[in-house]
Structure formats: C-alpha cells, structure tokens
Amino acid sequence: MKKEKELYREFLQSKNLKLTKPRLIIMEAVFENHEHFNVDDLYEQIKKKHKNVSRATIYRTVPLLVESGLIKQSLRCESKDIYEHTYGHENHLHFICERCGKIIESGFNDVAELIDKLAENESFKISEYNLGARGLCSDCQ
C-alpha cells in the first residue's frame, strides 16, 4: 500500500490538494479490502474504526481515487456504483449473479485479443476494458 499512498499523494499535490487524515483513512480502507465495493459498504467499513469520517467525505473522496487511476467504477448494480482497484491489477471479466449479487472475476486473454483486433481494425485506441455478464452463479442455479 506504500506505493499506492505515494501515487495518491502525488496526484493530490498535482491538484493542489492535501492528503488529509480522512482522505488517507478512506484510501487505506479501500486497499485493505480486495473485494469490489460501493460507497455505502466503504462507509460501514470505515465507521467501525473512525466515527469522524462522514459519508459525504467518502462520496467526495472516491471520485478523487478514480481520477488518480487507483480505482475505477467497474459495475453498476441495484443503482449503486461498484468500484475496484486498478493499480497493479490485470483487466478481467465480471460475472454477476442476478440472484445473490456475487461478483466473480475471470481472466479474458482470448476475449481481450479479439477486442484489440477489432479496435485495431477501426483505428480505435482502447484505454480500458469493462466487460461483464449477468446470470446465475453455481450456488443460485
């Protein structure tokens, strides 16, 4: 997490912002957990240890983490944005269970190669992938 913290600090400095204690707490909470998360989940996680970090502060800080490139909005489920780490993570597919909400990550080298070829044919430069499929996980079938 040391590298992520330094990258975040540099990003904030480039925006003339400081790495305040609440921003640091939020960033650390994001990187302590390696699961997908939404802002409400993050708030519940943080308030267990830090009662003084408000939901509003988290809502203002998450877009900064996205803009920094450390996390991204990867999905939208039940009207909530779902985020995940991007720094140090390979592109992957998301399989989302429509019944229980479970999110399964899967590598996608063959699909990525096909998408890259299609993009090349269209002279299109891809900056990121965001692929997913909905259905039922093995527990819910």
Protein backbone atom coordinates (compact mmCIF):
# COMPACT_ATOMS: atom_id res chain seq x y z
CA MET A 1 0.00 0.00 0.00
CA LYS A 2 3.04 2.25 0.31
CA LYS A 3 3.25 2.74 -3.47
CA GLU A 4 -0.49 3.50 -3.74
CA LYS A 5 -0.20 6.05 -0.93
CA GLU A 6 2.68 7.81 -2.67
CA LEU A 7 0.86 7.84 -6.02
CA TYR A 8 -2.24 9.25 -4.34
CA ARG A 9 -0.21 11.93 -2.53
CA GLU A 10 1.44 12.96 -5.84
CA PHE A 11 -1.94 13.05 -7.58
CA LEU A 12 -3.46 15.24 -4.86
CA GLN A 13 -0.46 17.59 -4.95
CA SER A 14 -0.91 17.96 -8.71
CA LYS A 15 -4.47 19.17 -7.95
CA ASN A 16 -3.24 21.48 -5.15
CA LEU A 17 -4.94 19.25 -2.58
CA LYS A 18 -3.54 17.73 0.59
CA LEU A 19 -3.55 14.14 1.75
CA THR A 20 -5.73 14.86 4.78
CA LYS A 21 -6.31 12.33 7.54
CA PRO A 22 -9.85 11.48 6.27
CA ARG A 23 -8.54 11.01 2.69
CA LEU A 24 -5.79 8.75 3.98
CA ILE A 25 -8.23 6.72 6.10
CA ILE A 26 -10.51 6.26 3.08
CA MET A 27 -7.64 5.28 0.78
CA GLU A 28 -6.29 2.79 3.32
CA ALA A 29 -9.76 1.26 3.79
CA VAL A 30 -10.11 0.83 0.03
CA PHE A 31 -6.78 -1.01 -0.22
CA GLU A 32 -7.23 -3.11 2.94
CA ASN A 33 -10.11 -4.87 1.22
CA HIS A 34 -9.57 -6.64 -2.09
CA GLU A 35 -13.26 -7.03 -2.87
CA HIS A 36 -15.49 -4.91 -5.06
CA PHE A 37 -17.21 -2.20 -3.03
CA ASN A 38 -19.73 0.62 -3.15
CA VAL A 39 -19.62 3.83 -1.14
CA ASP A 40 -22.13 2.57 1.43
CA ASP A 41 -20.04 -0.58 2.04
CA LEU A 42 -16.94 1.56 2.40
CA TYR A 43 -18.70 3.87 4.86
CA GLU A 44 -19.81 0.91 7.00
CA GLN A 45 -16.25 -0.47 6.99
CA ILE A 46 -14.70 2.87 7.96
CA LYS A 47 -17.17 3.91 10.67
CA LYS A 48 -16.26 0.82 12.73
CA LYS A 49 -12.83 2.36 13.43
CA HIS A 50 -13.23 6.04 12.54
CA LYS A 51 -16.52 7.58 13.61
CA ASN A 52 -15.49 11.06 12.47
CA VAL A 53 -15.28 10.23 8.72
CA SER A 54 -18.63 11.16 7.20
CA ARG A 55 -20.43 9.51 4.30
CA ALA A 56 -20.23 12.86 2.46
CA THR A 57 -16.43 12.88 2.81
CA ILE A 58 -16.32 9.40 1.30
CA TYR A 59 -18.59 10.47 -1.58
CA ARG A 60 -16.21 13.39 -2.26
CA THR A 61 -13.05 11.28 -1.94
CA VAL A 62 -13.97 8.29 -4.11
CA PRO A 63 -14.02 10.38 -7.34
CA LEU A 64 -10.51 11.59 -6.47
CA LEU A 65 -9.36 7.98 -6.15
CA VAL A 66 -10.97 7.24 -9.52
CA GLU A 67 -9.37 10.26 -11.16
CA SER A 68 -6.00 9.25 -9.70
CA GLY A 69 -6.26 5.91 -11.50
CA LEU A 70 -6.00 3.84 -8.32
CA ILE A 71 -9.60 2.59 -8.53
CA LYS A 72 -12.34 2.57 -11.14
CA GLN A 73 -16.07 2.24 -11.32
CA SER A 74 -16.36 -1.21 -12.81
CA LEU A 75 -20.06 -2.03 -12.46
CA ARG A 76 -23.44 -0.61 -11.60
CA CYS A 77 -25.69 -2.92 -9.57
CA GLU A 78 -29.02 -2.05 -7.97
CA SER A 79 -28.49 1.67 -8.73
CA LYS A 80 -25.12 1.70 -6.95
CA ASP A 81 -21.70 2.26 -8.49
CA ILE A 82 -19.36 -0.63 -7.75
CA TYR A 83 -15.63 0.12 -7.56
CA GLU A 84 -12.46 -1.96 -7.64
CA HIS A 85 -8.69 -1.49 -7.52
CA THR A 86 -7.00 -0.88 -10.85
CA TYR A 87 -3.44 -0.22 -9.76
CA GLY A 88 -1.46 -3.45 -10.17
CA HIS A 89 -4.45 -5.45 -11.44
CA GLU A 90 -4.91 -7.10 -14.83
CA ASN A 91 -8.02 -6.50 -16.94
CA HIS A 92 -10.69 -9.13 -16.34
CA LEU A 93 -14.32 -10.07 -16.90
CA HIS A 94 -17.04 -9.79 -14.27
CA PHE A 95 -19.74 -12.43 -13.94
CA ILE A 96 -22.55 -11.01 -11.78
CA CYS A 97 -25.14 -13.26 -10.15
CA GLU A 98 -28.60 -11.77 -10.60
CA ARG A 99 -29.94 -13.53 -7.53
CA CYS A 100 -27.33 -13.15 -4.78
CA GLY A 101 -25.22 -10.31 -6.21
CA LYS A 102 -21.97 -12.29 -6.10
CA ILE A 103 -19.26 -10.92 -8.42
CA ILE A 104 -16.83 -13.42 -9.93
CA GLU A 105 -13.70 -12.21 -11.70
CA SER A 106 -12.24 -14.16 -14.60
CA GLY A 107 -9.26 -13.60 -16.88
CA PHE A 108 -10.07 -12.94 -20.51
CA ASN A 109 -6.96 -13.16 -22.68
CA ASP A 110 -8.79 -14.61 -25.72
CA VAL A 111 -11.55 -12.00 -25.48
CA ALA A 112 -9.01 -9.21 -25.00
CA GLU A 113 -7.12 -10.30 -28.10
CA LEU A 114 -10.35 -10.25 -30.12
CA ILE A 115 -11.31 -6.81 -28.81
CA ASP A 116 -7.81 -5.47 -29.52
CA LYS A 117 -8.03 -6.80 -33.09
CA LEU A 118 -11.48 -5.24 -33.62
CA ALA A 119 -10.25 -1.93 -32.20
CA GLU A 120 -7.20 -2.03 -34.45
CA ASN A 121 -9.45 -2.60 -37.48
CA GLU A 122 -11.37 0.55 -36.52
CA SER A 123 -8.21 2.56 -35.69
CA PHE A 124 -9.51 2.82 -32.13
CA LYS A 125 -7.19 3.11 -29.12
CA ILE A 126 -8.60 1.39 -26.03
CA SER A 127 -7.86 2.98 -22.66
CA GLU A 128 -9.60 0.34 -20.54
CA TYR A 129 -11.89 -2.67 -20.68
CA ASN A 130 -15.10 -3.00 -18.71
CA LEU A 131 -16.69 -6.33 -19.55
CA GLY A 132 -19.31 -8.28 -17.66
CA ALA A 133 -22.08 -10.81 -17.95
CA ARG A 134 -25.15 -11.37 -15.79
CA GLY A 135 -26.64 -14.73 -14.90
CA LEU A 136 -26.76 -17.19 -12.01
CA CYS A 137 -23.76 -18.41 -10.04
CA SER A 138 -23.35 -22.12 -9.25
CA ASP A 139 -24.89 -21.62 -5.78
CA CYS A 140 -28.05 -20.00 -7.20
CA GLN A 141 -28.70 -22.26 -10.21
